[in-house]
Amino acid sequence: MKKIFFLLTIGAGTLCWAQKQFQPAGSSILETIDGDLDGDKIPEKVIIYTTKDEGELGKIREIQILKKVGTKWTLLEKSRNAVMESSAGGMMGDPYQSTEIQKGILTIIQAGGSSWKWDVTDKYRFQNGHFELIGTSSSAGRPGDYWKETDFNLSTGQMNYKKDVENTAEYGKSLKETHIMKGVKINLQNRNQDKQRKVVLPKTKEEVYF
């Protein structure tokens, strides 16, 4: 029992040291999760910080992914673009919902709005030396008017779009389209740019932002 307690204490001390080593000055920890992200069966540690730095929509968030090499933690990757700023959810305030690791995939879920609501789920895989976005799904709308959903698989290039309209007098009929758009490269570093990426679907002429 004493040996187990000793090992746990050493592990906690090592992690505490790692957090202090890489933690942005003046920041606070929003969430910490563990999971294998590079396939070596050794859990990485994902830490999301709320920094002291102000952006246009609140405090800037920084996500860090730490990898344990031997007895030391190293910084595998970090980004200030993948997690939205603390007030980017509009009337709902903080858009951050959760971060998950399942089967080597890093998933970040965010949402916001007021009577009109939106949500977005991003999925990243560690490949080509970076955490690349392999899929993003989003929905937006308001009950009684319309609700639209987009699911974009960046690996295959297939984008599925659906718009269910209740208020047809104002917004027209419901729409659905599948569009192929290959070659889009997004990762933790260039996600959520100041100017959103936009595609106009060729058949329905609907505008999709991602």
Protein backbone atom coordinates (compact mmCIF):
# COMPACT_ATOMS: atom_id res chain seq x y z
CA MET A 1 0.00 0.00 0.00
CA LYS A 2 2.81 2.41 0.88
CA LYS A 3 4.54 1.65 -2.44
CA ILE A 4 1.34 2.35 -4.42
CA PHE A 5 0.80 5.60 -2.51
CA PHE A 6 4.41 6.59 -3.18
CA LEU A 7 4.06 5.94 -6.94
CA LEU A 8 0.80 7.89 -7.09
CA THR A 9 2.43 10.77 -5.25
CA ILE A 10 5.37 10.77 -7.66
CA GLY A 11 3.00 10.69 -10.65
CA ALA A 12 0.92 13.57 -9.33
CA GLY A 13 4.07 15.55 -8.60
CA THR A 14 5.38 14.98 -12.12
CA LEU A 15 2.08 16.13 -13.64
CA CYS A 16 1.95 19.19 -11.40
CA TRP A 17 5.47 20.08 -12.54
CA ALA A 18 4.47 19.59 -16.18
CA GLN A 19 1.44 21.82 -15.82
CA LYS A 20 3.50 24.57 -14.24
CA GLN A 21 6.18 24.21 -16.91
CA PHE A 22 3.81 24.68 -19.85
CA GLN A 23 0.90 26.60 -18.30
CA PRO A 24 0.48 30.13 -19.72
CA ALA A 25 1.19 32.80 -17.08
CA GLY A 26 -1.94 34.02 -15.33
CA SER A 27 -4.17 31.32 -16.84
CA SER A 28 -6.60 28.93 -15.15
CA ILE A 29 -7.38 25.34 -16.08
CA LEU A 30 -10.77 24.86 -17.74
CA GLU A 31 -10.56 21.09 -18.20
CA THR A 32 -8.08 18.21 -18.16
CA ILE A 33 -8.61 14.81 -19.80
CA ASP A 34 -6.47 11.74 -20.52
CA GLY A 35 -6.41 9.32 -23.44
CA ASP A 36 -4.20 7.69 -26.05
CA LEU A 37 -4.06 9.97 -29.09
CA ASP A 38 -1.05 8.69 -31.05
CA GLY A 39 -1.62 4.94 -30.89
CA ASP A 40 1.24 3.99 -28.56
CA LYS A 41 -1.14 2.89 -25.77
CA ILE A 42 0.31 5.54 -23.43
CA PRO A 43 -2.28 8.17 -22.48
CA GLU A 44 -1.64 11.75 -23.51
CA LYS A 45 -2.90 14.59 -21.34
CA VAL A 46 -5.10 17.31 -22.85
CA ILE A 47 -5.33 20.54 -20.86
CA ILE A 48 -7.53 23.50 -21.82
CA TYR A 49 -6.64 26.84 -20.28
CA THR A 50 -8.50 30.11 -20.00
CA THR A 51 -5.67 32.62 -20.48
CA LYS A 52 -5.45 36.15 -19.13
CA ASP A 53 -5.31 37.50 -22.69
CA GLU A 54 -8.38 39.26 -24.07
CA GLY A 55 -9.70 38.57 -27.57
CA GLU A 56 -12.61 40.15 -29.38
CA LEU A 57 -15.05 37.79 -27.65
CA GLY A 58 -13.64 37.29 -24.18
CA LYS A 59 -10.63 35.48 -22.77
CA ILE A 60 -8.51 33.51 -25.24
CA ARG A 61 -8.46 29.75 -24.70
CA GLU A 62 -5.38 27.59 -25.20
CA ILE A 63 -5.42 23.83 -25.64
CA GLN A 64 -2.25 21.87 -24.91
CA ILE A 65 -1.56 18.21 -25.59
CA LEU A 66 1.18 16.72 -23.43
CA LYS A 67 2.97 13.46 -24.17
CA LYS A 68 4.89 11.44 -21.62
CA VAL A 69 8.31 10.34 -22.82
CA GLY A 70 9.99 8.18 -20.20
CA THR A 71 9.40 10.01 -16.94
CA LYS A 72 9.02 13.47 -18.48
CA TRP A 73 6.09 15.30 -20.04
CA THR A 74 6.70 17.05 -23.35
CA LEU A 75 4.49 19.43 -25.30
CA LEU A 76 3.16 17.54 -28.33
CA GLU A 77 1.06 20.42 -29.68
CA LYS A 78 -0.79 23.53 -28.56
CA SER A 79 -3.22 25.97 -30.16
CA ARG A 80 -5.15 29.14 -29.38
CA ASN A 81 -7.56 28.64 -32.28
CA ALA A 82 -9.31 25.31 -31.69
CA VAL A 83 -11.25 26.37 -28.57
CA MET A 84 -13.35 29.52 -28.89
CA GLU A 85 -13.00 32.58 -26.66
CA SER A 86 -14.84 32.63 -23.33
CA SER A 87 -17.78 34.82 -24.46
CA ALA A 88 -18.07 33.61 -28.06
CA GLY A 89 -21.38 31.91 -27.28
CA GLY A 90 -23.32 35.17 -27.55
CA MET A 91 -26.23 35.44 -25.11
CA MET A 92 -25.39 31.95 -23.83
CA GLY A 93 -21.94 33.21 -22.83
CA ASP A 94 -19.23 30.57 -22.68
CA PRO A 95 -19.44 28.33 -25.79
CA TYR A 96 -17.27 25.56 -24.38
CA GLN A 97 -19.16 22.32 -23.73
CA SER A 98 -16.71 19.45 -23.46
CA THR A 99 -13.65 17.65 -24.82
CA GLU A 100 -13.53 13.88 -25.26
CA ILE A 101 -11.05 11.21 -26.35
CA GLN A 102 -12.45 8.05 -27.92
CA LYS A 103 -10.56 5.52 -30.05
CA GLY A 104 -7.69 7.94 -30.61
CA ILE A 105 -9.95 10.79 -31.75
CA LEU A 106 -9.96 14.17 -29.99
CA THR A 107 -13.45 15.68 -29.99
CA ILE A 108 -14.23 19.28 -29.02
CA ILE A 109 -17.87 20.37 -28.61
CA GLN A 110 -18.94 24.04 -28.51
CA ALA A 111 -22.30 25.82 -28.70
CA GLY A 112 -23.98 29.21 -28.35
CA GLY A 113 -26.74 31.60 -29.37
CA SER A 114 -29.96 32.89 -27.82
CA SER A 115 -33.35 32.16 -29.39
CA TRP A 116 -31.31 31.27 -32.48
CA LYS A 117 -28.92 28.54 -31.43
CA TRP A 118 -25.86 26.84 -32.91
CA ASP A 119 -23.45 24.07 -32.02
CA VAL A 120 -20.33 22.60 -33.58
CA THR A 121 -18.44 19.36 -32.95
CA ASP A 122 -14.87 19.02 -34.24
CA LYS A 123 -12.96 15.73 -34.46
CA TYR A 124 -9.16 15.62 -34.73
CA ARG A 125 -6.75 12.77 -35.41
CA PHE A 126 -2.99 12.83 -34.92
CA GLN A 127 -1.55 12.31 -38.39
CA ASN A 128 1.21 13.82 -40.53
CA GLY A 129 2.79 15.15 -37.35
CA HIS A 130 -0.23 17.30 -36.40
CA PHE A 131 -3.73 17.05 -35.04
CA GLU A 132 -5.73 17.34 -38.26
CA LEU A 133 -9.45 17.97 -38.43
CA ILE A 134 -11.03 14.84 -39.91
CA GLY A 135 -14.66 15.76 -39.35
CA THR A 136 -16.86 18.64 -38.28
CA SER A 137 -20.61 18.66 -37.72
CA SER A 138 -22.78 21.63 -36.87
CA SER A 139 -26.37 22.70 -36.50
CA ALA A 140 -28.09 26.07 -36.28
CA GLY A 141 -31.56 27.52 -36.24
CA ARG A 142 -34.60 28.36 -34.16
CA PRO A 143 -37.65 26.23 -33.30
CA GLY A 144 -40.63 27.31 -35.36
CA ASP A 145 -38.47 28.71 -38.16
CA TYR A 146 -35.86 26.25 -39.44
CA TRP A 147 -33.05 24.00 -38.34
CA LYS A 148 -30.06 23.19 -40.54
CA GLU A 149 -27.42 20.52 -40.06
CA THR A 150 -24.06 20.05 -41.75
CA ASP A 151 -21.76 17.05 -41.48
CA PHE A 152 -18.39 17.38 -43.25
CA ASN A 153 -16.01 14.42 -43.44
CA LEU A 154 -12.69 16.02 -44.40
CA SER A 155 -11.06 12.61 -44.93
CA THR A 156 -13.46 11.63 -47.72
CA GLY A 157 -14.48 15.16 -48.74
CA GLN A 158 -18.19 14.40 -48.37
CA MET A 159 -20.40 17.17 -46.98
CA ASN A 160 -24.00 16.34 -46.07
CA TYR A 161 -26.35 19.30 -45.66
CA LYS A 162 -29.96 19.33 -44.50
CA LYS A 163 -32.34 22.22 -43.77
CA ASP A 164 -35.68 21.39 -42.16
CA VAL A 165 -38.03 24.37 -42.52
CA GLU A 166 -41.13 24.90 -40.38
CA ASN A 167 -41.84 28.50 -41.35
CA THR A 168 -42.07 27.87 -45.09
CA ALA A 169 -43.81 31.20 -45.73
CA GLU A 170 -40.66 33.07 -44.77
CA TYR A 171 -37.85 30.58 -45.42
CA GLY A 172 -39.12 28.44 -48.29
CA LYS A 173 -39.07 24.68 -48.54
CA SER A 174 -36.83 22.16 -46.77
CA LEU A 175 -33.59 21.33 -48.56
CA LYS A 176 -31.05 18.54 -48.68
CA GLU A 177 -27.77 18.17 -50.57
CA THR A 178 -24.60 16.07 -50.62
CA HIS A 179 -21.49 17.79 -51.92
CA ILE A 180 -17.95 16.47 -52.45
CA MET A 181 -15.15 18.87 -51.62
CA LYS A 182 -11.75 17.20 -51.27
CA GLY A 183 -8.40 18.66 -50.27
CA VAL A 184 -9.52 20.86 -47.36
CA LYS A 185 -6.73 20.92 -44.76
CA ILE A 186 -7.56 22.18 -41.27
CA ASN A 187 -5.74 21.46 -38.03
CA LEU A 188 -5.57 22.71 -34.44
CA GLN A 189 -3.44 25.63 -35.57
CA ASN A 190 -5.65 27.10 -38.30
CA ARG A 191 -9.14 26.26 -36.96
CA ASN A 192 -11.63 29.10 -36.23
CA GLN A 193 -9.98 31.84 -38.27
CA ASP A 194 -11.15 35.48 -38.13
CA LYS A 195 -12.83 34.96 -41.50
CA GLN A 196 -14.91 31.78 -41.61
CA ARG A 197 -14.50 29.38 -44.48
CA LYS A 198 -17.54 29.39 -46.75
CA VAL A 199 -18.83 27.11 -49.49
CA VAL A 200 -21.89 27.72 -51.68
CA LEU A 201 -23.55 24.39 -52.40
CA PRO A 202 -23.94 24.01 -56.20
CA LYS A 203 -27.51 22.67 -56.29
CA THR A 204 -29.39 24.40 -53.47
CA LYS A 205 -27.16 27.52 -53.44
CA GLU A 206 -27.13 27.35 -49.65
CA GLU A 207 -24.14 28.92 -47.91
CA VAL A 208 -22.27 26.68 -45.48
CA TYR A 209 -19.71 28.10 -43.04
CA PHE A 210 -17.10 26.02 -41.24
